[in-house]
Amino acid sequence: MEAGALDEQSPVQALEEATREELKALCRIAWPVAVANCLMNLRLLISLAFLGRLGGGLALTTVNVTAQAVMFGLALALEPLLGGAYGAKDFKAMGAWLQRSLLILWLTGVPISILWLNAEPILIACAQDPAIAHVTGAFLRYLLPQVFLLGAIMPLRLFLRSQDFVDSCGLAKRRWLRRNDALRVCL
């Protein structure tokens, strides 16, 4: 056998090596995003644990349905636009898309805020227990600034993620989670 033949990889070995390298690169990108999303969901779990004792599970459900889902759905429309603009090196378009999404999400926050401010009478009109309606209404009033913060955080997170700044998003969520938990204990 020739010495050069031993140095060459078979096609199967080359494919396995390429697959390993691709998986390593994918994990480097996906790991921080996965951790950040888990932390975001952990925040909701902690809220449910605190509110469940007060009869406020309805409040958390209202937050998820009226704000989180709506804002997240609207913000996700931005992801392919940012990815395409970044791939084309059109940074001006990225900035324009970010500004438009911020405006749209903040404007979407206005009717959500009105709904949250009137949650207690709406729930009572829907035949909910007045005590639970009161806890839900109070919780939603305390979380009112979160509507507009979500409107800012979601597009900014997608903006950073489209440029491969995934570690900063996870770091920010870890810090936010600690402060958020401390605030819930105080309330």
N, C-alpha and C. Protein backbone atom coordinates (compact mmCIF):
# COMPACT_ATOMS: atom_id res chain seq x y z
N MET A 1 0.82 -1.18 0.00
CA MET A 1 0.00 0.00 0.00
C MET A 1 0.87 1.24 0.00
N GLU A 2 0.41 2.26 -0.64
CA GLU A 2 1.15 3.50 -0.68
C GLU A 2 0.96 4.29 0.60
N ALA A 3 1.95 5.11 0.96
CA ALA A 3 1.87 5.94 2.16
C ALA A 3 0.81 7.01 2.02
N GLY A 4 0.61 7.53 0.81
CA GLY A 4 -0.40 8.59 0.58
C GLY A 4 -1.81 8.07 0.76
N ALA A 5 -2.03 6.79 0.49
CA ALA A 5 -3.37 6.23 0.60
C ALA A 5 -3.81 6.14 2.06
N LEU A 6 -2.84 5.97 2.99
CA LEU A 6 -3.19 5.90 4.40
C LEU A 6 -3.61 7.25 4.95
N ASP A 7 -3.08 8.35 4.39
CA ASP A 7 -3.39 9.68 4.88
C ASP A 7 -4.77 10.16 4.42
N GLU A 8 -5.26 9.63 3.35
CA GLU A 8 -6.55 10.06 2.83
C GLU A 8 -7.67 9.43 3.65
N GLN A 9 -8.75 10.22 3.82
CA GLN A 9 -9.92 9.71 4.52
C GLN A 9 -10.89 9.12 3.52
N SER A 10 -11.59 8.12 3.97
CA SER A 10 -12.64 7.59 3.11
C SER A 10 -13.79 8.61 3.09
N PRO A 11 -14.66 8.53 2.12
CA PRO A 11 -15.79 9.47 2.07
C PRO A 11 -16.68 9.41 3.32
N VAL A 12 -16.81 8.25 3.89
CA VAL A 12 -17.63 8.11 5.10
C VAL A 12 -16.96 8.82 6.27
N GLN A 13 -15.64 8.65 6.40
CA GLN A 13 -14.91 9.32 7.48
C GLN A 13 -14.94 10.84 7.30
N ALA A 14 -14.80 11.29 6.07
CA ALA A 14 -14.86 12.74 5.80
C ALA A 14 -16.23 13.30 6.15
N LEU A 15 -17.27 12.55 5.82
CA LEU A 15 -18.63 12.98 6.14
C LEU A 15 -18.85 13.03 7.66
N GLU A 16 -18.35 12.00 8.35
CA GLU A 16 -18.47 11.98 9.81
C GLU A 16 -17.74 13.16 10.44
N GLU A 17 -16.55 13.46 9.97
CA GLU A 17 -15.78 14.59 10.49
C GLU A 17 -16.48 15.92 10.21
N ALA A 18 -17.00 16.07 9.01
CA ALA A 18 -17.72 17.30 8.66
C ALA A 18 -18.99 17.45 9.51
N THR A 19 -19.66 16.33 9.75
CA THR A 19 -20.86 16.36 10.58
C THR A 19 -20.53 16.75 12.01
N ARG A 20 -19.44 16.20 12.55
CA ARG A 20 -19.01 16.56 13.91
C ARG A 20 -18.70 18.05 14.02
N GLU A 21 -17.97 18.57 13.04
CA GLU A 21 -17.62 20.00 13.06
C GLU A 21 -18.87 20.88 12.94
N GLU A 22 -19.79 20.46 12.11
CA GLU A 22 -21.03 21.23 11.94
C GLU A 22 -21.86 21.22 13.22
N LEU A 23 -21.93 20.07 13.87
CA LEU A 23 -22.67 19.98 15.13
C LEU A 23 -22.02 20.82 16.22
N LYS A 24 -20.70 20.86 16.27
CA LYS A 24 -20.01 21.71 17.25
C LYS A 24 -20.35 23.18 17.01
N ALA A 25 -20.30 23.59 15.75
CA ALA A 25 -20.62 24.99 15.42
C ALA A 25 -22.07 25.30 15.75
N LEU A 26 -22.97 24.37 15.46
CA LEU A 26 -24.39 24.57 15.76
C LEU A 26 -24.62 24.68 17.26
N CYS A 27 -23.96 23.85 18.04
CA CYS A 27 -24.10 23.91 19.50
C CYS A 27 -23.56 25.21 20.07
N ARG A 28 -22.47 25.72 19.50
CA ARG A 28 -21.93 27.01 19.97
C ARG A 28 -22.94 28.13 19.77
N ILE A 29 -23.72 28.05 18.71
CA ILE A 29 -24.72 29.08 18.44
C ILE A 29 -26.00 28.81 19.22
N ALA A 30 -26.45 27.56 19.23
CA ALA A 30 -27.77 27.23 19.78
C ALA A 30 -27.78 27.18 21.30
N TRP A 31 -26.68 26.82 21.93
CA TRP A 31 -26.66 26.66 23.38
C TRP A 31 -27.07 27.94 24.11
N PRO A 32 -26.48 29.09 23.82
CA PRO A 32 -26.90 30.31 24.54
C PRO A 32 -28.36 30.68 24.28
N VAL A 33 -28.84 30.44 23.07
CA VAL A 33 -30.24 30.74 22.76
C VAL A 33 -31.16 29.81 23.55
N ALA A 34 -30.81 28.54 23.63
CA ALA A 34 -31.62 27.58 24.38
C ALA A 34 -31.65 27.93 25.87
N VAL A 35 -30.51 28.30 26.42
CA VAL A 35 -30.44 28.69 27.84
C VAL A 35 -31.28 29.94 28.08
N ALA A 36 -31.17 30.92 27.19
CA ALA A 36 -31.95 32.15 27.33
C ALA A 36 -33.45 31.87 27.28
N ASN A 37 -33.89 31.00 26.38
CA ASN A 37 -35.31 30.67 26.30
C ASN A 37 -35.77 29.89 27.53
N CYS A 38 -34.93 29.01 28.04
CA CYS A 38 -35.28 28.29 29.27
C CYS A 38 -35.42 29.26 30.45
N LEU A 39 -34.54 30.24 30.52
CA LEU A 39 -34.63 31.23 31.59
C LEU A 39 -35.91 32.05 31.47
N MET A 40 -36.30 32.35 30.25
CA MET A 40 -37.54 33.10 30.03
C MET A 40 -38.74 32.29 30.53
N ASN A 41 -38.74 31.00 30.24
CA ASN A 41 -39.83 30.15 30.71
C ASN A 41 -39.75 29.89 32.21
N LEU A 42 -38.55 29.88 32.77
CA LEU A 42 -38.39 29.72 34.20
C LEU A 42 -39.03 30.89 34.95
N ARG A 43 -38.93 32.07 34.36
CA ARG A 43 -39.55 33.26 34.95
C ARG A 43 -41.06 33.04 35.09
N LEU A 44 -41.68 32.46 34.07
CA LEU A 44 -43.11 32.21 34.12
C LEU A 44 -43.44 31.15 35.17
N LEU A 45 -42.59 30.14 35.29
CA LEU A 45 -42.82 29.10 36.28
C LEU A 45 -42.73 29.66 37.70
N ILE A 46 -41.77 30.53 37.94
CA ILE A 46 -41.62 31.15 39.26
C ILE A 46 -42.83 32.03 39.56
N SER A 47 -43.30 32.76 38.57
CA SER A 47 -44.49 33.58 38.75
C SER A 47 -45.69 32.71 39.10
N LEU A 48 -45.83 31.60 38.42
CA LEU A 48 -46.94 30.70 38.70
C LEU A 48 -46.87 30.14 40.11
N ALA A 49 -45.66 29.83 40.57
CA ALA A 49 -45.50 29.31 41.93
C ALA A 49 -45.94 30.35 42.97
N PHE A 50 -45.55 31.61 42.76
CA PHE A 50 -45.94 32.66 43.70
C PHE A 50 -47.43 32.97 43.60
N LEU A 51 -47.94 33.06 42.38
CA LEU A 51 -49.33 33.44 42.20
C LEU A 51 -50.30 32.32 42.52
N GLY A 52 -49.86 31.09 42.34
CA GLY A 52 -50.74 29.96 42.62
C GLY A 52 -51.22 29.94 44.06
N ARG A 53 -50.38 30.38 44.96
CA ARG A 53 -50.76 30.42 46.38
C ARG A 53 -51.77 31.52 46.66
N LEU A 54 -51.79 32.53 45.81
CA LEU A 54 -52.71 33.65 46.01
C LEU A 54 -53.96 33.54 45.14
N GLY A 55 -54.08 32.48 44.38
CA GLY A 55 -55.23 32.34 43.49
C GLY A 55 -55.05 33.16 42.23
N GLY A 56 -53.82 33.42 41.83
CA GLY A 56 -53.57 34.28 40.69
C GLY A 56 -53.10 33.58 39.45
N GLY A 57 -53.36 32.29 39.34
CA GLY A 57 -52.98 31.58 38.12
C GLY A 57 -53.66 32.17 36.90
N LEU A 58 -54.85 32.70 37.10
CA LEU A 58 -55.58 33.36 36.02
C LEU A 58 -54.82 34.58 35.52
N ALA A 59 -54.16 35.29 36.44
CA ALA A 59 -53.39 36.48 36.06
C ALA A 59 -52.25 36.10 35.12
N LEU A 60 -51.55 35.05 35.45
CA LEU A 60 -50.42 34.63 34.62
C LEU A 60 -50.91 34.14 33.26
N THR A 61 -52.03 33.45 33.25
CA THR A 61 -52.61 33.01 31.98
C THR A 61 -52.99 34.21 31.13
N THR A 62 -53.55 35.23 31.77
CA THR A 62 -53.91 36.45 31.04
C THR A 62 -52.68 37.11 30.45
N VAL A 63 -51.59 37.16 31.22
CA VAL A 63 -50.34 37.74 30.71
C VAL A 63 -49.85 36.96 29.51
N ASN A 64 -49.86 35.65 29.61
CA ASN A 64 -49.35 34.82 28.52
C ASN A 64 -50.18 34.96 27.25
N VAL A 65 -51.50 34.99 27.40
CA VAL A 65 -52.38 35.02 26.24
C VAL A 65 -52.44 36.41 25.61
N THR A 66 -52.58 37.44 26.44
CA THR A 66 -52.80 38.77 25.89
C THR A 66 -51.52 39.51 25.52
N ALA A 67 -50.43 39.25 26.19
CA ALA A 67 -49.20 40.01 25.90
C ALA A 67 -48.10 39.14 25.31
N GLN A 68 -47.70 38.12 26.04
CA GLN A 68 -46.56 37.30 25.60
C GLN A 68 -46.79 36.72 24.21
N ALA A 69 -47.92 36.05 24.02
CA ALA A 69 -48.17 35.37 22.74
C ALA A 69 -48.31 36.37 21.61
N VAL A 70 -49.05 37.45 21.84
CA VAL A 70 -49.26 38.45 20.79
C VAL A 70 -47.95 39.14 20.42
N MET A 71 -47.22 39.60 21.43
CA MET A 71 -45.96 40.30 21.17
C MET A 71 -44.93 39.37 20.54
N PHE A 72 -44.85 38.15 21.02
CA PHE A 72 -43.88 37.20 20.48
C PHE A 72 -44.20 36.88 19.02
N GLY A 73 -45.48 36.69 18.73
CA GLY A 73 -45.88 36.41 17.36
C GLY A 73 -45.55 37.55 16.42
N LEU A 74 -45.82 38.77 16.85
CA LEU A 74 -45.50 39.93 16.02
C LEU A 74 -43.99 40.10 15.85
N ALA A 75 -43.25 39.87 16.92
CA ALA A 75 -41.80 40.04 16.86
C ALA A 75 -41.14 38.99 15.98
N LEU A 76 -41.69 37.78 15.95
CA LEU A 76 -41.08 36.72 15.14
C LEU A 76 -41.13 37.02 13.65
N ALA A 77 -42.05 37.89 13.23
CA ALA A 77 -42.08 38.27 11.83
C ALA A 77 -40.82 39.03 11.44
N LEU A 78 -40.14 39.57 12.43
CA LEU A 78 -38.92 40.34 12.19
C LEU A 78 -37.72 39.46 11.89
N GLU A 79 -37.71 38.25 12.40
CA GLU A 79 -36.52 37.39 12.30
C GLU A 79 -36.05 37.13 10.87
N PRO A 80 -36.92 36.71 9.95
CA PRO A 80 -36.41 36.49 8.58
C PRO A 80 -35.99 37.79 7.90
N LEU A 81 -36.66 38.88 8.24
CA LEU A 81 -36.28 40.16 7.64
C LEU A 81 -34.88 40.59 8.08
N LEU A 82 -34.61 40.43 9.37
CA LEU A 82 -33.28 40.79 9.88
C LEU A 82 -32.21 39.85 9.34
N GLY A 83 -32.52 38.58 9.30
CA GLY A 83 -31.55 37.61 8.78
C GLY A 83 -31.20 37.89 7.32
N GLY A 84 -32.20 38.20 6.52
CA GLY A 84 -31.94 38.52 5.11
C GLY A 84 -31.15 39.80 4.95
N ALA A 85 -31.49 40.82 5.75
CA ALA A 85 -30.77 42.09 5.67
C ALA A 85 -29.33 41.93 6.14
N TYR A 86 -29.13 41.13 7.19
CA TYR A 86 -27.77 40.92 7.69
C TYR A 86 -26.94 40.15 6.67
N GLY A 87 -27.54 39.14 6.06
CA GLY A 87 -26.83 38.36 5.04
C GLY A 87 -26.45 39.21 3.84
N ALA A 88 -27.29 40.20 3.52
CA ALA A 88 -27.01 41.09 2.40
C ALA A 88 -26.14 42.28 2.82
N LYS A 89 -25.76 42.31 4.09
CA LYS A 89 -24.96 43.42 4.64
C LYS A 89 -25.67 44.76 4.49
N ASP A 90 -27.01 44.73 4.57
CA ASP A 90 -27.82 45.94 4.47
C ASP A 90 -28.18 46.40 5.89
N PHE A 91 -27.24 47.02 6.55
CA PHE A 91 -27.41 47.41 7.95
C PHE A 91 -28.42 48.53 8.12
N LYS A 92 -28.57 49.35 7.10
CA LYS A 92 -29.58 50.41 7.15
C LYS A 92 -30.99 49.81 7.20
N ALA A 93 -31.21 48.77 6.41
CA ALA A 93 -32.50 48.08 6.43
C ALA A 93 -32.74 47.41 7.79
N MET A 94 -31.68 46.87 8.37
CA MET A 94 -31.83 46.24 9.69
C MET A 94 -32.29 47.27 10.72
N GLY A 95 -31.69 48.44 10.69
CA GLY A 95 -32.10 49.50 11.61
C GLY A 95 -33.52 49.93 11.37
N ALA A 96 -33.91 50.04 10.11
CA ALA A 96 -35.29 50.44 9.78
C ALA A 96 -36.28 49.38 10.26
N TRP A 97 -35.96 48.10 10.04
CA TRP A 97 -36.85 47.02 10.49
C TRP A 97 -36.97 47.03 12.02
N LEU A 98 -35.87 47.26 12.70
CA LEU A 98 -35.89 47.31 14.16
C LEU A 98 -36.77 48.46 14.65
N GLN A 99 -36.60 49.64 14.08
CA GLN A 99 -37.40 50.79 14.50
C GLN A 99 -38.88 50.56 14.24
N ARG A 100 -39.20 50.01 13.10
CA ARG A 100 -40.62 49.76 12.77
C ARG A 100 -41.22 48.72 13.71
N SER A 101 -40.45 47.70 14.01
CA SER A 101 -40.98 46.67 14.91
C SER A 101 -41.18 47.22 16.32
N LEU A 102 -40.27 48.06 16.77
CA LEU A 102 -40.45 48.69 18.09
C LEU A 102 -41.73 49.51 18.12
N LEU A 103 -41.96 50.30 17.08
CA LEU A 103 -43.16 51.12 17.01
C LEU A 103 -44.42 50.26 16.99
N ILE A 104 -44.42 49.23 16.17
CA ILE A 104 -45.60 48.36 16.07
C ILE A 104 -45.88 47.67 17.40
N LEU A 105 -44.85 47.16 18.04
CA LEU A 105 -45.06 46.45 19.32
C LEU A 105 -45.49 47.41 20.42
N TRP A 106 -44.94 48.62 20.44
CA TRP A 106 -45.37 49.59 21.46
C TRP A 106 -46.81 50.02 21.21
N LEU A 107 -47.19 50.19 19.96
CA LEU A 107 -48.59 50.53 19.66
C LEU A 107 -49.52 49.37 20.01
N THR A 108 -49.05 48.16 19.83
CA THR A 108 -49.84 46.98 20.22
C THR A 108 -50.00 46.93 21.74
N GLY A 109 -49.02 47.46 22.45
CA GLY A 109 -49.09 47.47 23.91
C GLY A 109 -50.18 48.36 24.47
N VAL A 110 -50.64 49.35 23.70
CA VAL A 110 -51.67 50.27 24.20
C VAL A 110 -53.00 49.54 24.46
N PRO A 111 -53.56 48.80 23.49
CA PRO A 111 -54.81 48.08 23.81
C PRO A 111 -54.63 46.99 24.86
N ILE A 112 -53.44 46.38 24.88
CA ILE A 112 -53.19 45.37 25.91
C ILE A 112 -53.20 46.04 27.28
N SER A 113 -52.61 47.22 27.39
CA SER A 113 -52.60 47.95 28.66
C SER A 113 -54.00 48.33 29.10
N ILE A 114 -54.81 48.77 28.16
CA ILE A 114 -56.20 49.12 28.48
C ILE A 114 -56.94 47.89 28.99
N LEU A 115 -56.71 46.76 28.33
CA LEU A 115 -57.34 45.51 28.78
C LEU A 115 -56.89 45.16 30.19
N TRP A 116 -55.60 45.27 30.47
CA TRP A 116 -55.09 44.93 31.79
C TRP A 116 -55.60 45.89 32.86
N LEU A 117 -55.72 47.16 32.53
CA LEU A 117 -56.24 48.13 33.51
C LEU A 117 -57.68 47.83 33.89
N ASN A 118 -58.42 47.25 32.97
CA ASN A 118 -59.83 46.94 33.21
C ASN A 118 -60.07 45.45 33.43
N ALA A 119 -59.03 44.72 33.78
CA ALA A 119 -59.15 43.26 33.91
C ALA A 119 -60.13 42.86 35.01
N GLU A 120 -60.08 43.53 36.15
CA GLU A 120 -60.96 43.13 37.26
C GLU A 120 -62.43 43.24 36.89
N PRO A 121 -62.92 44.39 36.39
CA PRO A 121 -64.34 44.42 36.02
C PRO A 121 -64.70 43.48 34.87
N ILE A 122 -63.77 43.28 33.94
CA ILE A 122 -64.05 42.36 32.84
C ILE A 122 -64.20 40.93 33.37
N LEU A 123 -63.32 40.53 34.27
CA LEU A 123 -63.39 39.18 34.83
C LEU A 123 -64.65 38.98 35.67
N ILE A 124 -65.02 40.00 36.42
CA ILE A 124 -66.25 39.90 37.21
C ILE A 124 -67.46 39.78 36.29
N ALA A 125 -67.45 40.53 35.18
CA ALA A 125 -68.54 40.45 34.20
C ALA A 125 -68.59 39.08 33.54
N CYS A 126 -67.45 38.37 33.50
CA CYS A 126 -67.39 37.02 32.94
C CYS A 126 -67.65 35.95 34.00
N ALA A 127 -68.20 36.35 35.15
CA ALA A 127 -68.60 35.46 36.24
C ALA A 127 -67.43 34.79 36.94
N GLN A 128 -66.28 35.46 37.02
CA GLN A 128 -65.17 34.95 37.81
C GLN A 128 -65.38 35.32 39.27
N ASP A 129 -64.76 34.57 40.16
CA ASP A 129 -64.81 34.86 41.58
C ASP A 129 -64.22 36.26 41.81
N PRO A 130 -64.93 37.14 42.53
CA PRO A 130 -64.42 38.50 42.73
C PRO A 130 -63.05 38.55 43.41
N ALA A 131 -62.75 37.62 44.30
CA ALA A 131 -61.45 37.62 44.96
C ALA A 131 -60.33 37.32 43.96
N ILE A 132 -60.56 36.34 43.10
CA ILE A 132 -59.57 36.01 42.08
C ILE A 132 -59.46 37.13 41.07
N ALA A 133 -60.59 37.74 40.72
CA ALA A 133 -60.57 38.87 39.78
C ALA A 133 -59.77 40.04 40.37
N HIS A 134 -59.89 40.24 41.68
CA HIS A 134 -59.15 41.33 42.33
C HIS A 134 -57.65 41.05 42.30
N VAL A 135 -57.24 39.83 42.63
CA VAL A 135 -55.81 39.47 42.61
C VAL A 135 -55.27 39.58 41.18
N THR A 136 -56.04 39.10 40.22
CA THR A 136 -55.62 39.18 38.83
C THR A 136 -55.46 40.63 38.38
N GLY A 137 -56.44 41.46 38.71
CA GLY A 137 -56.37 42.87 38.34
C GLY A 137 -55.19 43.57 38.97
N ALA A 138 -54.92 43.29 40.24
CA ALA A 138 -53.78 43.91 40.93
C ALA A 138 -52.46 43.46 40.29
N PHE A 139 -52.34 42.17 40.02
CA PHE A 139 -51.11 41.66 39.41
C PHE A 139 -50.87 42.28 38.05
N LEU A 140 -51.92 42.39 37.25
CA LEU A 140 -51.78 42.96 35.92
C LEU A 140 -51.43 44.45 35.97
N ARG A 141 -51.94 45.15 36.95
CA ARG A 141 -51.57 46.57 37.10
C ARG A 141 -50.09 46.71 37.45
N TYR A 142 -49.59 45.82 38.30
CA TYR A 142 -48.16 45.86 38.64
C TYR A 142 -47.28 45.52 37.43
N LEU A 143 -47.79 44.65 36.57
CA LEU A 143 -47.01 44.22 35.41
C LEU A 143 -47.19 45.12 34.19
N LEU A 144 -47.96 46.18 34.32
CA LEU A 144 -48.23 47.05 33.18
C LEU A 144 -46.97 47.54 32.46
N PRO A 145 -45.92 47.95 33.17
CA PRO A 145 -44.71 48.37 32.44
C PRO A 145 -44.09 47.24 31.62
N GLN A 146 -44.35 46.00 31.99
CA GLN A 146 -43.77 44.87 31.28
C GLN A 146 -44.26 44.81 29.84
N VAL A 147 -45.46 45.29 29.58
CA VAL A 147 -45.98 45.25 28.22
C VAL A 147 -45.05 46.01 27.28
N PHE A 148 -44.66 47.19 27.69
CA PHE A 148 -43.81 48.01 26.83
C PHE A 148 -42.35 47.55 26.86
N LEU A 149 -41.95 46.95 27.97
CA LEU A 149 -40.60 46.37 28.01
C LEU A 149 -40.51 45.17 27.07
N LEU A 150 -41.56 44.35 27.05
CA LEU A 150 -41.60 43.23 26.10
C LEU A 150 -41.53 43.75 24.66
N GLY A 151 -42.23 44.85 24.42
CA GLY A 151 -42.21 45.44 23.09
C GLY A 151 -40.83 45.92 22.68
N ALA A 152 -39.97 46.19 23.65
CA ALA A 152 -38.60 46.61 23.34
C ALA A 152 -37.64 45.42 23.35
N ILE A 153 -37.80 44.52 24.30
CA ILE A 153 -36.85 43.42 24.46
C ILE A 153 -36.93 42.43 23.31
N MET A 154 -38.13 42.09 22.89
CA MET A 154 -38.26 41.05 21.86
C MET A 154 -37.59 41.43 20.55
N PRO A 155 -37.85 42.61 19.98
CA PRO A 155 -37.14 42.92 18.73
C PRO A 155 -35.64 43.14 18.92
N LEU A 156 -35.25 43.69 20.06
CA LEU A 156 -33.81 43.87 20.30
C LEU A 156 -33.10 42.53 20.40
N ARG A 157 -33.75 41.58 21.04
CA ARG A 157 -33.17 40.24 21.15
C ARG A 157 -33.00 39.61 19.77
N LEU A 158 -34.03 39.75 18.93
CA LEU A 158 -33.93 39.21 17.57
C LEU A 158 -32.88 39.95 16.75
N PHE A 159 -32.77 41.25 16.97
CA PHE A 159 -31.76 42.05 16.28
C PHE A 159 -30.36 41.58 16.63
N LEU A 160 -30.12 41.36 17.92
CA LEU A 160 -28.80 40.88 18.35
C LEU A 160 -28.55 39.45 17.87
N ARG A 161 -29.58 38.62 17.97
CA ARG A 161 -29.42 37.22 17.59
C ARG A 161 -29.14 37.07 16.10
N SER A 162 -29.72 37.95 15.28
CA SER A 162 -29.48 37.86 13.84
C SER A 162 -28.03 38.19 13.49
N GLN A 163 -27.32 38.84 14.41
CA GLN A 163 -25.92 39.19 14.18
C GLN A 163 -24.98 38.31 15.00
N ASP A 164 -25.48 37.20 15.49
CA ASP A 164 -24.71 36.22 16.27
C ASP A 164 -24.26 36.73 17.63
N PHE A 165 -24.98 37.68 18.20
CA PHE A 165 -24.72 38.12 19.57
C PHE A 165 -25.67 37.37 20.50
N VAL A 166 -25.49 36.08 20.62
CA VAL A 166 -26.42 35.27 21.40
C VAL A 166 -26.04 35.21 22.87
N ASP A 167 -24.77 35.35 23.20
CA ASP A 167 -24.35 35.28 24.60
C ASP A 167 -24.88 36.46 25.40
N SER A 168 -24.93 37.64 24.80
CA SER A 168 -25.41 38.82 25.52
C SER A 168 -26.87 38.70 25.89
N CYS A 169 -27.68 38.05 25.05
CA CYS A 169 -29.09 37.86 25.36
C CYS A 169 -29.27 36.96 26.58
N GLY A 170 -28.51 35.88 26.64
CA GLY A 170 -28.60 34.97 27.78
C GLY A 170 -28.13 35.62 29.06
N LEU A 171 -27.07 36.40 28.99
CA LEU A 171 -26.56 37.10 30.16
C LEU A 171 -27.58 38.10 30.68
N ALA A 172 -28.19 38.84 29.78
CA ALA A 172 -29.20 39.82 30.19
C ALA A 172 -30.40 39.13 30.84
N LYS A 173 -30.82 37.99 30.31
CA LYS A 173 -31.96 37.28 30.89
C LYS A 173 -31.63 36.73 32.27
N ARG A 174 -30.40 36.26 32.46
CA ARG A 174 -30.04 35.77 33.79
C ARG A 174 -30.08 36.89 34.81
N ARG A 175 -29.58 38.06 34.45
CA ARG A 175 -29.62 39.21 35.38
C ARG A 175 -31.06 39.64 35.63
N TRP A 176 -31.85 39.67 34.57
CA TRP A 176 -33.24 40.09 34.70
C TRP A 176 -34.03 39.12 35.57
N LEU A 177 -33.74 37.82 35.43
CA LEU A 177 -34.44 36.81 36.21
C LEU A 177 -34.17 37.01 37.70
N ARG A 178 -32.92 37.29 38.06
CA ARG A 178 -32.60 37.51 39.48
C ARG A 178 -33.34 38.73 40.03
N ARG A 179 -33.36 39.81 39.29
CA ARG A 179 -34.05 41.02 39.76
C ARG A 179 -35.55 40.81 39.80
N ASN A 180 -36.07 40.10 38.83
CA ASN A 180 -37.49 39.84 38.75
C ASN A 180 -37.95 38.99 39.95
N ASP A 181 -37.18 37.99 40.30
CA ASP A 181 -37.51 37.16 41.45
C ASP A 181 -37.49 37.95 42.74
N ALA A 182 -36.50 38.82 42.88
CA ALA A 182 -36.42 39.66 44.09
C ALA A 182 -37.62 40.57 44.18
N LEU A 183 -38.07 41.10 43.06
CA LEU A 183 -39.25 41.97 43.06
C LEU A 183 -40.50 41.19 43.45
N ARG A 184 -40.64 39.96 42.98
CA ARG A 184 -41.82 39.15 43.32
C ARG A 184 -41.86 38.83 44.82
N VAL A 185 -40.70 38.57 45.41
CA VAL A 185 -40.65 38.29 46.84
C VAL A 185 -41.09 39.53 47.63
N CYS A 186 -40.67 40.70 47.17
CA CYS A 186 -41.05 41.94 47.85
C CYS A 186 -42.54 42.22 47.74
N LEU A 187 -43.13 41.89 46.59
CA LEU A 187 -44.56 42.13 46.41
C LEU A 187 -45.37 41.11 47.17
